[in-house]
Amino acid sequence: MAEDAGVGISALYLRYRSKEHLLREVARDGLTRFIEALRAGLADDRDAWVAYSDCLWRVVDGQSQALAQRVAGTFTPTNELARLAGEASELAIELHRRTQAAGALREDVSPADVVLILEMVSLVDLPGPEQGRDLRHRYLALALQALRAPGSEPLPGPPADESDLTARWRAP
């Protein structure tokens, strides 16, 4: 992480007491940015699909949701992180339901399904910032086509649910 940030490991430990403290801060930052993107999506009064898909683009471009999920379960979460995760979940569910109620999002897709899809798309990373970004955009566009109602075929298996996501936040 230090190398990616262009600083030495000693600089990180001057700012953060421990690796666990650093991971908590990474998760807090990711959750905060995810919440901002969700709030912007909910405040968007354009067509429901446009508002929803623009929100997902912001999430993928900001790498916020994947950042928080990537470090989930690697540290003991704080009360603040639990509160932020709960808020993010409530906002994501509200945006999801609003988009489904408008008939723009497949009925057989759960909010947790979308979170996991965003995580998969956000994990695409190749050398060079443009190359990774371009592929993330490509795969998000493919995912959005699959998510749009009505959907061409029923999906196999049950959808993911909130308990699938929260299980990852348990302390190691």
C-alpha atoms as a PDB file:
ATOM      1  CA  MET A   1       0.000   0.000   0.000  1.00  0.00           C
ATOM      2  CA  ALA A   2       2.750   2.441   0.880  1.00  0.00           C
ATOM      3  CA  GLU A   3       4.484   1.888  -2.443  1.00  0.00           C
ATOM      4  CA  ASP A   4       1.198   2.423  -4.315  1.00  0.00           C
ATOM      5  CA  ALA A   5       0.759   5.725  -2.473  1.00  0.00           C
ATOM      6  CA  GLY A   6       4.317   6.803  -3.318  1.00  0.00           C
ATOM      7  CA  VAL A   7       5.470   6.960   0.308  1.00  0.00           C
ATOM      8  CA  GLY A   8       7.642   4.829   2.529  1.00  0.00           C
ATOM      9  CA  ILE A   9       6.214   2.450   5.077  1.00  0.00           C
ATOM     10  CA  SER A  10       7.608   4.617   7.883  1.00  0.00           C
ATOM     11  CA  ALA A  11       5.508   7.561   6.654  1.00  0.00           C
ATOM     12  CA  LEU A  12       2.396   5.425   6.888  1.00  0.00           C
ATOM     13  CA  TYR A  13       3.182   4.375  10.449  1.00  0.00           C
ATOM     14  CA  LEU A  14       3.716   8.007  11.448  1.00  0.00           C
ATOM     15  CA  ARG A  15       0.126   8.680  10.424  1.00  0.00           C
ATOM     16  CA  TYR A  16      -1.480   5.353  11.392  1.00  0.00           C
ATOM     17  CA  ARG A  17      -0.783   3.518  14.646  1.00  0.00           C
ATOM     18  CA  SER A  18      -1.038   0.065  13.112  1.00  0.00           C
ATOM     19  CA  LYS A  19      -1.931  -1.869   9.986  1.00  0.00           C
ATOM     20  CA  GLU A  20      -5.411  -2.436  11.468  1.00  0.00           C
ATOM     21  CA  HIS A  21      -5.853   1.313  11.990  1.00  0.00           C
ATOM     22  CA  LEU A  22      -4.828   1.921   8.358  1.00  0.00           C
ATOM     23  CA  LEU A  23      -7.272  -0.715   7.083  1.00  0.00           C
ATOM     24  CA  ARG A  24     -10.084   0.823   9.125  1.00  0.00           C
ATOM     25  CA  GLU A  25      -9.315   4.193   7.551  1.00  0.00           C
ATOM     26  CA  VAL A  26      -9.290   2.669   4.047  1.00  0.00           C
ATOM     27  CA  ALA A  27     -12.694   1.078   4.745  1.00  0.00           C
ATOM     28  CA  ARG A  28     -14.073   4.322   6.218  1.00  0.00           C
ATOM     29  CA  ASP A  29     -12.954   6.292   3.177  1.00  0.00           C
ATOM     30  CA  GLY A  30     -14.439   3.733   0.775  1.00  0.00           C
ATOM     31  CA  LEU A  31     -17.756   3.584   2.610  1.00  0.00           C
ATOM     32  CA  THR A  32     -17.963   7.384   2.809  1.00  0.00           C
ATOM     33  CA  ARG A  33     -17.425   7.741  -0.939  1.00  0.00           C
ATOM     34  CA  PHE A  34     -19.909   4.922  -1.649  1.00  0.00           C
ATOM     35  CA  ILE A  35     -22.514   6.734   0.478  1.00  0.00           C
ATOM     36  CA  GLU A  36     -21.879   9.994  -1.400  1.00  0.00           C
ATOM     37  CA  ALA A  37     -22.433   8.242  -4.753  1.00  0.00           C
ATOM     38  CA  LEU A  38     -25.646   6.615  -3.484  1.00  0.00           C
ATOM     39  CA  ARG A  39     -26.980   9.916  -2.140  1.00  0.00           C
ATOM     40  CA  ALA A  40     -26.268  11.559  -5.476  1.00  0.00           C
ATOM     41  CA  GLY A  41     -28.154   8.737  -7.209  1.00  0.00           C
ATOM     42  CA  LEU A  42     -31.144   9.171  -4.920  1.00  0.00           C
ATOM     43  CA  ALA A  43     -31.129  12.940  -5.426  1.00  0.00           C
ATOM     44  CA  ASP A  44     -31.069  12.525  -9.216  1.00  0.00           C
ATOM     45  CA  ASP A  45     -34.583  13.180 -10.540  1.00  0.00           C
ATOM     46  CA  ARG A  46     -33.899  12.128 -14.124  1.00  0.00           C
ATOM     47  CA  ASP A  47     -35.189   8.882 -15.627  1.00  0.00           C
ATOM     48  CA  ALA A  48     -34.817   6.085 -13.050  1.00  0.00           C
ATOM     49  CA  TRP A  49     -32.485   3.977 -15.208  1.00  0.00           C
ATOM     50  CA  VAL A  50     -30.269   6.948 -16.091  1.00  0.00           C
ATOM     51  CA  ALA A  51     -29.991   7.966 -12.433  1.00  0.00           C
ATOM     52  CA  TYR A  52     -29.278   4.381 -11.352  1.00  0.00           C
ATOM     53  CA  SER A  53     -26.703   3.602 -14.020  1.00  0.00           C
ATOM     54  CA  ASP A  54     -24.954   6.970 -13.513  1.00  0.00           C
ATOM     55  CA  CYS A  55     -24.684   6.120  -9.815  1.00  0.00           C
ATOM     56  CA  LEU A  56     -23.068   2.776 -10.641  1.00  0.00           C
ATOM     57  CA  TRP A  57     -20.625   4.513 -12.985  1.00  0.00           C
ATOM     58  CA  ARG A  58     -19.646   6.894 -10.155  1.00  0.00           C
ATOM     59  CA  VAL A  59     -19.130   3.971  -7.795  1.00  0.00           C
ATOM     60  CA  VAL A  60     -16.907   2.089 -10.250  1.00  0.00           C
ATOM     61  CA  ASP A  61     -14.924   5.184 -11.240  1.00  0.00           C
ATOM     62  CA  GLY A  62     -14.399   6.154  -7.614  1.00  0.00           C
ATOM     63  CA  GLN A  63     -13.414   2.610  -6.622  1.00  0.00           C
ATOM     64  CA  SER A  64     -15.191   3.368  -3.349  1.00  0.00           C
ATOM     65  CA  GLN A  65     -17.369   0.324  -2.815  1.00  0.00           C
ATOM     66  CA  ALA A  66     -14.724  -2.187  -3.874  1.00  0.00           C
ATOM     67  CA  LEU A  67     -12.138  -0.495  -1.705  1.00  0.00           C
ATOM     68  CA  ALA A  68     -14.232  -0.985   1.408  1.00  0.00           C
ATOM     69  CA  GLN A  69     -15.209  -4.551   0.498  1.00  0.00           C
ATOM     70  CA  ARG A  70     -11.640  -5.532  -0.378  1.00  0.00           C
ATOM     71  CA  VAL A  71     -10.484  -4.967   3.198  1.00  0.00           C
ATOM     72  CA  ALA A  72     -13.635  -6.318   4.901  1.00  0.00           C
ATOM     73  CA  GLY A  73     -12.888  -9.015   7.426  1.00  0.00           C
ATOM     74  CA  THR A  74      -9.206  -8.123   7.739  1.00  0.00           C
ATOM     75  CA  PHE A  75      -9.664  -6.067  10.918  1.00  0.00           C
ATOM     76  CA  THR A  76     -12.064  -5.563  13.794  1.00  0.00           C
ATOM     77  CA  PRO A  77     -14.686  -3.015  12.646  1.00  0.00           C
ATOM     78  CA  THR A  78     -15.519   0.005  14.781  1.00  0.00           C
ATOM     79  CA  ASN A  79     -18.989   1.270  15.672  1.00  0.00           C
ATOM     80  CA  GLU A  80     -18.499   4.082  13.144  1.00  0.00           C
ATOM     81  CA  LEU A  81     -17.748   1.586  10.367  1.00  0.00           C
ATOM     82  CA  ALA A  82     -20.795  -0.462  11.316  1.00  0.00           C
ATOM     83  CA  ARG A  83     -22.911   2.698  11.166  1.00  0.00           C
ATOM     84  CA  LEU A  84     -21.467   3.674   7.765  1.00  0.00           C
ATOM     85  CA  ALA A  85     -21.980   0.154   6.388  1.00  0.00           C
ATOM     86  CA  GLY A  86     -25.582   0.217   7.625  1.00  0.00           C
ATOM     87  CA  GLU A  87     -26.197   3.609   6.050  1.00  0.00           C
ATOM     88  CA  ALA A  88     -24.660   2.481   2.744  1.00  0.00           C
ATOM     89  CA  SER A  89     -26.836  -0.624   2.788  1.00  0.00           C
ATOM     90  CA  GLU A  90     -30.024   1.362   3.445  1.00  0.00           C
ATOM     91  CA  LEU A  91     -29.230   3.833   0.656  1.00  0.00           C
ATOM     92  CA  ALA A  92     -28.332   1.081  -1.822  1.00  0.00           C
ATOM     93  CA  ILE A  93     -31.561  -0.774  -1.041  1.00  0.00           C
ATOM     94  CA  GLU A  94     -33.609   2.422  -1.416  1.00  0.00           C
ATOM     95  CA  LEU A  95     -32.046   3.253  -4.796  1.00  0.00           C
ATOM     96  CA  HIS A  96     -32.454  -0.340  -5.947  1.00  0.00           C
ATOM     97  CA  ARG A  97     -36.131  -0.493  -4.954  1.00  0.00           C
ATOM     98  CA  ARG A  98     -36.858   2.861  -6.550  1.00  0.00           C
ATOM     99  CA  THR A  99     -35.317   1.700  -9.824  1.00  0.00           C
ATOM    100  CA  GLN A 100     -37.199  -1.611  -9.718  1.00  0.00           C
ATOM    101  CA  ALA A 101     -40.478   0.182  -8.902  1.00  0.00           C
ATOM    102  CA  ALA A 102     -39.960   2.295 -12.031  1.00  0.00           C
ATOM    103  CA  GLY A 103     -39.696  -0.922 -14.051  1.00  0.00           C
ATOM    104  CA  ALA A 104     -36.120  -0.188 -15.101  1.00  0.00           C
ATOM    105  CA  LEU A 105     -34.227  -2.837 -13.107  1.00  0.00           C
ATOM    106  CA  ARG A 106     -34.784  -6.590 -13.306  1.00  0.00           C
ATOM    107  CA  GLU A 107     -37.072  -7.899 -10.570  1.00  0.00           C
ATOM    108  CA  ASP A 108     -34.946 -11.027 -10.010  1.00  0.00           C
ATOM    109  CA  VAL A 109     -31.825  -9.067  -9.004  1.00  0.00           C
ATOM    110  CA  SER A 110     -31.204  -8.148  -5.373  1.00  0.00           C
ATOM    111  CA  PRO A 111     -29.321  -5.138  -4.003  1.00  0.00           C
ATOM    112  CA  ALA A 112     -26.655  -7.565  -2.742  1.00  0.00           C
ATOM    113  CA  ASP A 113     -26.315  -9.010  -6.262  1.00  0.00           C
ATOM    114  CA  VAL A 114     -25.514  -5.526  -7.544  1.00  0.00           C
ATOM    115  CA  VAL A 115     -22.968  -4.882  -4.782  1.00  0.00           C
ATOM    116  CA  LEU A 116     -21.154  -8.100  -5.715  1.00  0.00           C
ATOM    117  CA  ILE A 117     -21.280  -7.234  -9.429  1.00  0.00           C
ATOM    118  CA  LEU A 118     -19.780  -3.815  -8.685  1.00  0.00           C
ATOM    119  CA  GLU A 119     -17.078  -5.484  -6.653  1.00  0.00           C
ATOM    120  CA  MET A 120     -16.225  -7.852  -9.514  1.00  0.00           C
ATOM    121  CA  VAL A 121     -16.079  -5.009 -12.030  1.00  0.00           C
ATOM    122  CA  SER A 122     -13.967  -2.872  -9.697  1.00  0.00           C
ATOM    123  CA  LEU A 123     -11.402  -5.646  -9.245  1.00  0.00           C
ATOM    124  CA  VAL A 124     -10.404  -5.435 -12.917  1.00  0.00           C
ATOM    125  CA  ASP A 125      -6.947  -3.940 -12.748  1.00  0.00           C
ATOM    126  CA  LEU A 126      -4.249  -3.967 -15.416  1.00  0.00           C
ATOM    127  CA  PRO A 127      -0.970  -2.068 -15.692  1.00  0.00           C
ATOM    128  CA  GLY A 128      -1.638   1.517 -16.640  1.00  0.00           C
ATOM    129  CA  PRO A 129      -4.550   3.506 -15.246  1.00  0.00           C
ATOM    130  CA  GLU A 130      -6.282   3.912 -18.612  1.00  0.00           C
ATOM    131  CA  GLN A 131      -6.184   0.221 -19.462  1.00  0.00           C
ATOM    132  CA  GLY A 132      -7.799  -0.845 -16.188  1.00  0.00           C
ATOM    133  CA  ARG A 133     -10.360   1.977 -16.324  1.00  0.00           C
ATOM    134  CA  ASP A 134     -11.299   1.178 -19.918  1.00  0.00           C
ATOM    135  CA  LEU A 135     -11.905  -2.488 -19.083  1.00  0.00           C
ATOM    136  CA  ARG A 136     -13.869  -1.608 -15.934  1.00  0.00           C
ATOM    137  CA  HIS A 137     -16.059   0.618 -18.122  1.00  0.00           C
ATOM    138  CA  ARG A 138     -16.497  -2.168 -20.661  1.00  0.00           C
ATOM    139  CA  TYR A 139     -17.536  -4.706 -18.023  1.00  0.00           C
ATOM    140  CA  LEU A 140     -19.822  -2.278 -16.236  1.00  0.00           C
ATOM    141  CA  ALA A 141     -21.560  -1.579 -19.561  1.00  0.00           C
ATOM    142  CA  LEU A 142     -22.026  -5.340 -20.032  1.00  0.00           C
ATOM    143  CA  ALA A 143     -23.362  -5.707 -16.480  1.00  0.00           C
ATOM    144  CA  LEU A 144     -25.773  -2.800 -16.934  1.00  0.00           C
ATOM    145  CA  GLN A 145     -27.182  -4.419 -20.068  1.00  0.00           C
ATOM    146  CA  ALA A 146     -27.813  -7.590 -18.067  1.00  0.00           C
ATOM    147  CA  LEU A 147     -29.373  -5.691 -15.140  1.00  0.00           C
ATOM    148  CA  ARG A 148     -31.837  -3.678 -17.189  1.00  0.00           C
ATOM    149  CA  ALA A 149     -35.442  -4.814 -17.065  1.00  0.00           C
ATOM    150  CA  PRO A 150     -37.086  -6.926 -18.216  1.00  0.00           C
ATOM    151  CA  GLY A 151     -34.151  -9.347 -18.644  1.00  0.00           C
ATOM    152  CA  SER A 152     -34.092 -11.954 -21.384  1.00  0.00           C
ATOM    153  CA  GLU A 153     -34.053 -15.136 -19.266  1.00  0.00           C
ATOM    154  CA  PRO A 154     -34.574 -16.015 -15.614  1.00  0.00           C
ATOM    155  CA  LEU A 155     -31.396 -16.116 -13.560  1.00  0.00           C
ATOM    156  CA  PRO A 156     -30.256 -19.399 -12.016  1.00  0.00           C
ATOM    157  CA  GLY A 157     -30.097 -19.853  -8.264  1.00  0.00           C
ATOM    158  CA  PRO A 158     -31.226 -17.537  -5.508  1.00  0.00           C
ATOM    159  CA  PRO A 159     -30.060 -13.918  -5.329  1.00  0.00           C
ATOM    160  CA  ALA A 160     -27.439 -12.828  -2.810  1.00  0.00           C
ATOM    161  CA  ASP A 161     -28.832 -11.128   0.276  1.00  0.00           C
ATOM    162  CA  GLU A 162     -27.668  -8.687   2.903  1.00  0.00           C
ATOM    163  CA  SER A 163     -26.434 -11.456   5.209  1.00  0.00           C
ATOM    164  CA  ASP A 164     -24.009 -12.577   2.490  1.00  0.00           C
ATOM    165  CA  LEU A 165     -22.459  -9.127   2.499  1.00  0.00           C
ATOM    166  CA  THR A 166     -22.414  -8.468   6.237  1.00  0.00           C
ATOM    167  CA  ALA A 167     -20.791 -11.839   6.977  1.00  0.00           C
ATOM    168  CA  ARG A 168     -17.592 -10.469   5.436  1.00  0.00           C
ATOM    169  CA  TRP A 169     -17.351  -7.701   8.013  1.00  0.00           C
ATOM    170  CA  ARG A 170     -16.974 -10.026  10.973  1.00  0.00           C
ATOM    171  CA  ALA A 171     -13.707  -9.717  12.808  1.00  0.00           C
ATOM    172  CA  PRO A 172     -10.999 -12.200  11.762  1.00  0.00           C
END
